[in-house]
């Protein structure tokens, strides 16, 4: 649902939004849900939101008065803009501010990630005007406009995601509410980068940039690249033997956990649960282990058929 911490590189940068039924990753709006009227009170969790996400229990009374983000020159994050791969798809973030405009479906992420780390290492606040984007430089600013109503909001992009259903941006709950897509969960928007008038920032680096980490693919699958982050000493349970379905590999434990958080509810209906294991300095996200390769392959086939996810079978 990457960098020092990618999608919510909380247990989010990889990340940020990956759930078919999770509003955080843009569940499609249900046709039988009537649009909220302007006088309606702030929404509360309901069956429209997945059981462990939503707008929160204590939505600020002054939500409508929360100001837009104010664009200002900022140095780009040293690690959050490196190339990375999620679910078999390569992403190459911009490393400088430049004109950008795209139209597509926006979603939002809420209380499940509130208080977690974003890809820039900041704390995600669902009531701040922020957003997650797969390739815009971090941090940067963008104007997001609801195509249907013309309502717009300026957000600070500080996270990675979304990664499923061709969503173009994940908004904070406050930003989604501002442009009128919070109730429905998603909506068509236009995203336009904002470049502050001062000299565009450059990536700060005290040493020459390091190349992306490349993880040798298992059993003939494509290689997986993961953004480089600062080392983290985290206890990760180990269990040897059998075969696993590998979904990705990350240099940052926080990024791996963020990716798992985005996948968890997507996988719940299938009865599988992703896990993180540290191998040779990288954090692998996998399902299993299974006693036989055929057992692991059956799970991989289910993920491909149900969710369209690319995966790899490897020895645990």
Protein backbone atom coordinates (compact mmCIF):
# COMPACT_ATOMS: atom_id res chain seq x y z
CA UNK A 1 0.00 0.00 0.00
CA UNK A 2 9.88 1.92 -0.64
CA UNK A 3 11.99 4.56 0.73
CA UNK A 4 13.03 5.02 4.35
CA UNK A 5 9.45 4.05 5.06
CA UNK A 6 7.30 3.74 1.40
CA UNK A 7 2.94 3.62 0.84
CA UNK A 8 1.87 3.92 4.44
CA UNK A 9 5.29 3.17 4.61
CA UNK A 10 3.53 3.00 7.78
CA UNK A 11 2.09 -0.39 7.79
CA UNK A 12 0.89 1.14 4.86
CA UNK A 13 4.64 4.27 0.79
CA UNK A 14 4.39 0.09 -0.08
CA UNK A 15 2.70 1.70 0.64
CA UNK A 16 -0.05 5.28 0.72
CA UNK A 17 -3.52 1.64 -0.76
CA UNK A 18 -4.20 -1.87 -2.16
CA UNK A 19 -7.58 -3.09 -1.11
CA UNK A 20 -10.63 -4.01 -3.16
CA UNK A 21 -12.94 -3.50 -0.23
CA UNK A 22 -10.77 -1.01 1.61
CA UNK A 23 -11.77 2.61 1.12
CA UNK A 24 -8.18 3.50 1.92
CA UNK A 25 -7.28 2.06 -1.40
CA UNK A 26 -10.30 3.18 -3.21
CA UNK A 27 -13.17 0.70 -3.07
CA UNK A 28 -15.54 1.39 -5.94
CA UNK A 29 -18.63 3.39 -4.91
CA UNK A 30 -21.80 1.37 -4.49
CA UNK A 31 -24.65 2.38 -6.78
CA UNK A 32 -27.27 2.08 -4.04
CA UNK A 33 -25.55 4.61 -1.75
CA UNK A 34 -27.21 8.00 -2.03
CA UNK A 35 -24.89 11.01 -2.20
CA UNK A 36 -24.57 13.03 0.98
CA UNK A 37 -26.35 16.38 1.08
CA UNK A 38 -24.36 19.51 1.98
CA UNK A 39 -26.17 19.71 5.31
CA UNK A 40 -25.37 16.14 6.30
CA UNK A 41 -23.13 15.63 9.34
CA UNK A 42 -19.65 14.20 9.00
CA UNK A 43 -19.83 10.51 8.03
CA UNK A 44 -19.23 7.77 10.54
CA UNK A 45 -18.05 4.20 9.93
CA UNK A 46 -20.67 2.03 8.24
CA UNK A 47 -20.95 -1.03 6.04
CA UNK A 48 -19.55 1.06 3.18
CA UNK A 49 -16.15 1.00 4.88
CA UNK A 50 -14.16 -2.11 5.58
CA UNK A 51 -14.39 -3.17 9.22
CA UNK A 52 -11.00 -1.82 10.29
CA UNK A 53 -10.82 1.34 8.23
CA UNK A 54 -13.01 4.39 7.73
CA UNK A 55 -13.21 8.03 8.74
CA UNK A 56 -12.64 7.46 12.47
CA UNK A 57 -14.87 7.79 15.50
CA UNK A 58 -14.03 11.40 16.35
CA UNK A 59 -14.16 13.39 13.14
CA UNK A 60 -13.21 17.01 13.93
CA UNK A 61 -16.23 19.31 14.02
CA UNK A 62 -14.28 21.91 12.04
CA UNK A 63 -13.25 19.51 9.26
CA UNK A 64 -14.52 21.91 6.58
CA UNK A 65 -12.30 24.69 7.93
CA UNK A 66 -9.02 22.76 7.70
CA UNK A 67 -6.89 24.84 5.29
CA UNK A 68 -5.32 23.58 2.09
CA UNK A 69 -1.65 22.70 2.15
CA UNK A 70 0.50 25.74 1.38
CA UNK A 71 3.11 24.99 -1.32
CA UNK A 72 6.65 25.95 -0.37
CA UNK A 73 10.11 24.95 -1.58
CA UNK A 74 11.30 21.78 0.14
CA UNK A 75 14.28 19.52 -0.32
CA UNK A 76 13.24 16.18 -1.75
CA UNK A 77 13.61 13.12 0.43
CA UNK A 78 16.87 11.24 0.02
CA UNK A 79 15.35 7.73 -0.08
CA UNK A 80 11.67 8.13 -0.91
CA UNK A 81 12.21 8.81 -4.62
CA UNK A 82 14.12 5.72 -5.66
CA UNK A 83 12.71 3.21 -8.20
CA UNK A 84 10.77 0.33 -6.70
CA UNK A 85 8.58 -2.61 -7.70
CA UNK A 86 5.24 -3.61 -6.17
CA UNK A 87 3.19 -6.62 -7.29
CA UNK A 88 5.24 -7.05 -10.42
CA UNK A 89 4.94 -3.44 -11.57
CA UNK A 90 7.93 -1.08 -11.75
CA UNK A 91 7.64 2.51 -10.52
CA UNK A 92 10.19 5.24 -11.26
CA UNK A 93 9.45 8.33 -9.14
CA UNK A 94 10.40 11.77 -10.40
CA UNK A 95 13.51 13.18 -8.77
CA UNK A 96 12.77 16.82 -9.55
CA UNK A 97 9.70 19.03 -9.64
CA UNK A 98 8.18 19.25 -13.10
CA UNK A 99 4.79 19.86 -14.73
CA UNK A 100 2.39 16.96 -14.30
CA UNK A 101 -1.33 16.51 -14.96
CA UNK A 102 -3.36 13.32 -14.92
CA UNK A 103 -7.01 12.39 -14.76
CA UNK A 104 -8.22 9.20 -13.09
CA UNK A 105 -9.87 7.69 -10.04
CA UNK A 106 -8.86 8.89 -6.57
CA UNK A 107 -9.42 6.99 -3.35
CA UNK A 108 -8.62 7.78 0.28
CA UNK A 109 -7.16 6.09 3.35
CA UNK A 110 -8.27 6.59 6.91
CA UNK A 111 -8.08 5.41 10.48
CA UNK A 112 -6.32 2.12 9.68
CA UNK A 113 -3.21 4.14 8.84
CA UNK A 114 -3.74 7.18 11.05
CA UNK A 115 -0.62 7.69 13.17
CA UNK A 116 1.54 5.39 11.04
CA UNK A 117 4.65 6.43 9.13
CA UNK A 118 4.47 7.70 5.56
CA UNK A 119 7.12 7.11 2.92
CA UNK A 120 8.93 10.26 4.03
CA UNK A 121 8.99 9.05 7.64
CA UNK A 122 6.39 11.57 8.77
CA UNK A 123 3.34 10.58 10.80
CA UNK A 124 0.20 10.16 8.72
CA UNK A 125 -2.63 12.43 9.83
CA UNK A 126 -5.92 11.63 8.10
CA UNK A 127 -7.16 15.11 9.06
CA UNK A 128 -4.31 16.96 7.31
CA UNK A 129 -4.32 17.87 3.63
CA UNK A 130 -1.95 15.20 2.35
CA UNK A 131 -1.88 12.47 -0.28
CA UNK A 132 -0.06 9.40 -1.55
CA UNK A 133 1.07 9.08 -5.18
CA UNK A 134 3.10 6.36 -6.93
CA UNK A 135 5.59 8.60 -8.75
CA UNK A 136 5.32 12.29 -7.84
CA UNK A 137 8.46 13.46 -6.01
CA UNK A 138 8.27 13.36 -2.22
CA UNK A 139 7.51 15.76 -0.78
CA UNK A 140 5.68 17.86 -3.34
CA UNK A 141 2.35 19.59 -3.81
CA UNK A 142 -0.62 19.02 -6.09
CA UNK A 143 -4.08 20.38 -6.75
CA UNK A 144 -6.73 17.65 -6.89
CA UNK A 145 -10.04 18.56 -8.52
CA UNK A 146 -13.27 16.55 -8.46
CA UNK A 147 -14.19 16.32 -12.14
CA UNK A 148 -17.91 15.99 -11.42
CA UNK A 149 -18.25 19.03 -9.14
CA UNK A 150 -15.21 21.23 -9.78
CA UNK A 151 -14.32 21.22 -6.08
CA UNK A 152 -10.58 21.20 -5.51
CA UNK A 153 -8.01 20.93 -2.75
CA UNK A 154 -4.26 21.52 -2.52
CA UNK A 155 -2.44 18.62 -0.85
CA UNK A 156 1.12 17.88 0.20
CA UNK A 157 2.21 14.56 -1.31
CA UNK A 158 4.32 12.70 1.26
CA UNK A 159 3.50 9.03 0.72
CA UNK A 160 3.48 6.23 -1.89
CA UNK A 161 0.41 4.45 -3.24
CA UNK A 162 -2.17 3.46 -4.32
CA UNK A 163 -1.13 0.28 -6.14
CA UNK A 164 -4.36 -1.46 -7.17
CA UNK A 165 -7.34 -0.83 -9.46
CA UNK A 166 -5.52 1.85 -11.49
CA UNK A 167 -6.12 4.52 -8.86
CA UNK A 168 -4.05 7.63 -9.56
CA UNK A 169 -3.88 9.09 -6.04
CA UNK A 170 -4.81 8.30 -2.43
CA UNK A 171 -6.09 11.30 -0.47
CA UNK A 172 -6.24 11.83 3.26
CA UNK A 173 -9.76 11.68 4.67
CA UNK A 174 -9.83 15.46 5.11
CA UNK A 175 -8.83 16.06 1.48
CA UNK A 176 -11.36 13.50 0.20
CA UNK A 177 -14.08 15.13 2.27
CA UNK A 178 -13.16 18.57 0.93
CA UNK A 179 -13.77 17.58 -2.69
CA UNK A 180 -16.78 15.39 -1.94
CA UNK A 181 -15.56 11.80 -2.47
CA UNK A 182 -15.24 10.68 1.14
CA UNK A 183 -18.76 9.26 1.35
CA UNK A 184 -18.50 7.32 -1.91
CA UNK A 185 -14.94 6.16 -1.27
CA UNK A 186 -13.62 7.18 -4.67
CA UNK A 187 -14.23 9.55 -7.56
CA UNK A 188 -12.81 10.84 -10.82
CA UNK A 189 -10.30 13.63 -10.30
CA UNK A 190 -7.68 15.65 -12.10
CA UNK A 191 -4.28 15.83 -10.40
CA UNK A 192 -1.99 18.74 -11.27
CA UNK A 193 1.46 19.25 -9.76
CA UNK A 194 2.15 22.62 -8.17
CA UNK A 195 5.68 23.97 -8.46
CA UNK A 196 6.53 26.67 -5.89
CA UNK A 197 7.78 29.92 -7.41
CA UNK A 198 11.21 29.61 -5.78
CA UNK A 199 14.01 27.53 -7.29
CA UNK A 200 12.93 23.88 -7.42
CA UNK A 201 14.55 21.78 -4.70
CA UNK A 202 16.95 18.97 -5.38
CA UNK A 203 17.43 15.72 -3.54
CA UNK A 204 19.65 16.11 -0.52
CA UNK A 205 22.42 13.54 -0.37
CA UNK A 206 25.55 13.51 1.74
CA UNK A 207 27.03 10.82 -0.51
CA UNK A 208 26.62 9.75 -4.15
CA UNK A 209 23.18 8.15 -4.65
CA UNK A 210 23.10 4.40 -4.28
CA UNK A 211 21.55 2.20 -6.99
CA UNK A 212 18.27 0.43 -6.23
CA UNK A 213 18.55 -2.92 -4.53
CA UNK A 214 17.88 -5.79 -6.91
CA UNK A 215 16.67 -9.04 -5.43
CA UNK A 216 17.45 -12.10 -7.51
CA UNK A 217 14.14 -13.58 -8.62
CA UNK A 218 13.13 -17.01 -7.37
CA UNK A 219 12.09 -19.78 -9.75
CA UNK A 220 12.40 -17.70 -12.90
CA UNK A 221 10.21 -14.78 -11.85
CA UNK A 222 11.08 -11.17 -12.70
CA UNK A 223 13.57 -9.45 -10.41
CA UNK A 224 12.20 -7.23 -7.66
CA UNK A 225 13.70 -3.84 -6.97
CA UNK A 226 13.22 -2.14 -3.64
CA UNK A 227 14.04 1.40 -2.60
CA UNK A 228 17.08 1.70 -0.37
CA UNK A 229 16.55 2.90 3.16
CA UNK A 230 18.62 3.36 6.24
CA UNK A 231 19.29 0.12 8.14
CA UNK A 232 16.78 -0.89 10.78
CA UNK A 233 17.27 -3.56 13.41
CA UNK A 234 13.87 -5.19 13.77
CA UNK A 235 13.16 -8.64 15.20
CA UNK A 236 11.43 -10.67 12.48
CA UNK A 237 10.32 -14.21 13.22
CA UNK A 238 12.01 -16.95 11.22
CA UNK A 239 10.68 -20.34 10.28
CA UNK A 240 12.64 -22.67 8.05
CA UNK A 241 11.39 -25.31 5.65
CA UNK A 242 8.72 -25.57 2.97
CA UNK A 243 7.72 -23.21 0.18
CA UNK A 244 6.24 -19.71 0.20
CA UNK A 245 4.42 -17.38 -2.16
CA UNK A 246 6.61 -14.28 -2.28
CA UNK A 247 4.90 -10.96 -3.03
CA UNK A 248 7.81 -8.53 -2.73
CA UNK A 249 11.10 -7.66 -1.08
CA UNK A 250 12.01 -4.38 0.61
CA UNK A 251 15.12 -2.81 2.07
CA UNK A 252 13.00 -1.23 4.82
CA UNK A 253 11.04 -3.17 7.43
CA UNK A 254 8.58 -0.28 7.72
CA UNK A 255 7.93 -0.37 3.97
CA UNK A 256 7.33 -4.11 4.09
CA UNK A 257 4.91 -3.72 7.01
CA UNK A 258 3.16 -0.91 5.20
CA UNK A 259 2.73 -3.14 2.18
CA UNK A 260 1.35 -5.93 4.39
CA UNK A 261 -1.14 -3.53 5.98
CA UNK A 262 -2.53 -2.61 2.58
CA UNK A 263 -2.80 -6.25 1.54
CA UNK A 264 -4.25 -7.68 4.74
CA UNK A 265 -7.92 -6.94 4.13
CA UNK A 266 -7.61 -7.74 0.45
CA UNK A 267 -6.46 -11.24 1.37
CA UNK A 268 -8.84 -11.84 4.30
CA UNK A 269 -11.67 -13.25 2.14
CA UNK A 270 -9.21 -15.72 0.61
CA UNK A 271 -8.12 -17.02 4.01
CA UNK A 272 -4.45 -16.11 3.57
CA UNK A 273 -2.25 -13.80 5.61
CA UNK A 274 0.96 -12.12 4.45
CA UNK A 275 4.04 -12.28 6.69
CA UNK A 276 7.44 -10.53 6.78
CA UNK A 277 10.75 -12.35 7.05
CA UNK A 278 14.25 -10.90 6.94
CA UNK A 279 16.60 -12.67 4.51
CA UNK A 280 20.10 -11.42 3.67
CA UNK A 281 19.31 -7.91 4.84
CA UNK A 282 16.03 -7.63 2.90
CA UNK A 283 12.49 -7.96 4.20
CA UNK A 284 10.45 -10.44 2.17
CA UNK A 285 6.65 -10.34 2.17
CA UNK A 286 5.24 -13.81 1.65
CA UNK A 287 2.36 -16.21 2.30
CA UNK A 288 3.04 -19.64 3.78
CA UNK A 289 5.07 -21.70 4.30
CA UNK A 290 3.52 -24.74 2.61
CA UNK A 291 4.95 -28.26 2.85
CA UNK A 292 4.98 -28.79 -0.93
CA UNK A 293 5.61 -26.55 -3.93
CA UNK A 294 2.24 -27.54 -5.43
CA UNK A 295 0.48 -26.25 -2.31
CA UNK A 296 2.20 -22.89 -2.65
CA UNK A 297 1.42 -22.78 -6.37
CA UNK A 298 -2.27 -23.32 -5.69
CA UNK A 299 -2.27 -20.26 -3.44
CA UNK A 300 -0.36 -18.24 -6.03
CA UNK A 301 -2.93 -19.24 -8.66
CA UNK A 302 -5.78 -18.16 -6.36
CA UNK A 303 -4.16 -14.76 -5.86
CA UNK A 304 -3.69 -14.36 -9.59
CA UNK A 305 -7.26 -15.40 -10.44
CA UNK A 306 -9.00 -13.47 -7.65
CA UNK A 307 -6.87 -10.35 -7.44
CA UNK A 308 -4.64 -10.33 -10.50
CA UNK A 309 -1.52 -10.32 -8.29
CA UNK A 310 1.85 -11.47 -9.60
CA UNK A 311 3.85 -13.62 -7.18
CA UNK A 312 6.81 -15.99 -6.96
CA UNK A 313 7.23 -19.46 -5.45
CA UNK A 314 10.42 -19.75 -3.39
CA UNK A 315 12.04 -21.98 -0.79
CA UNK A 316 11.35 -20.74 2.72
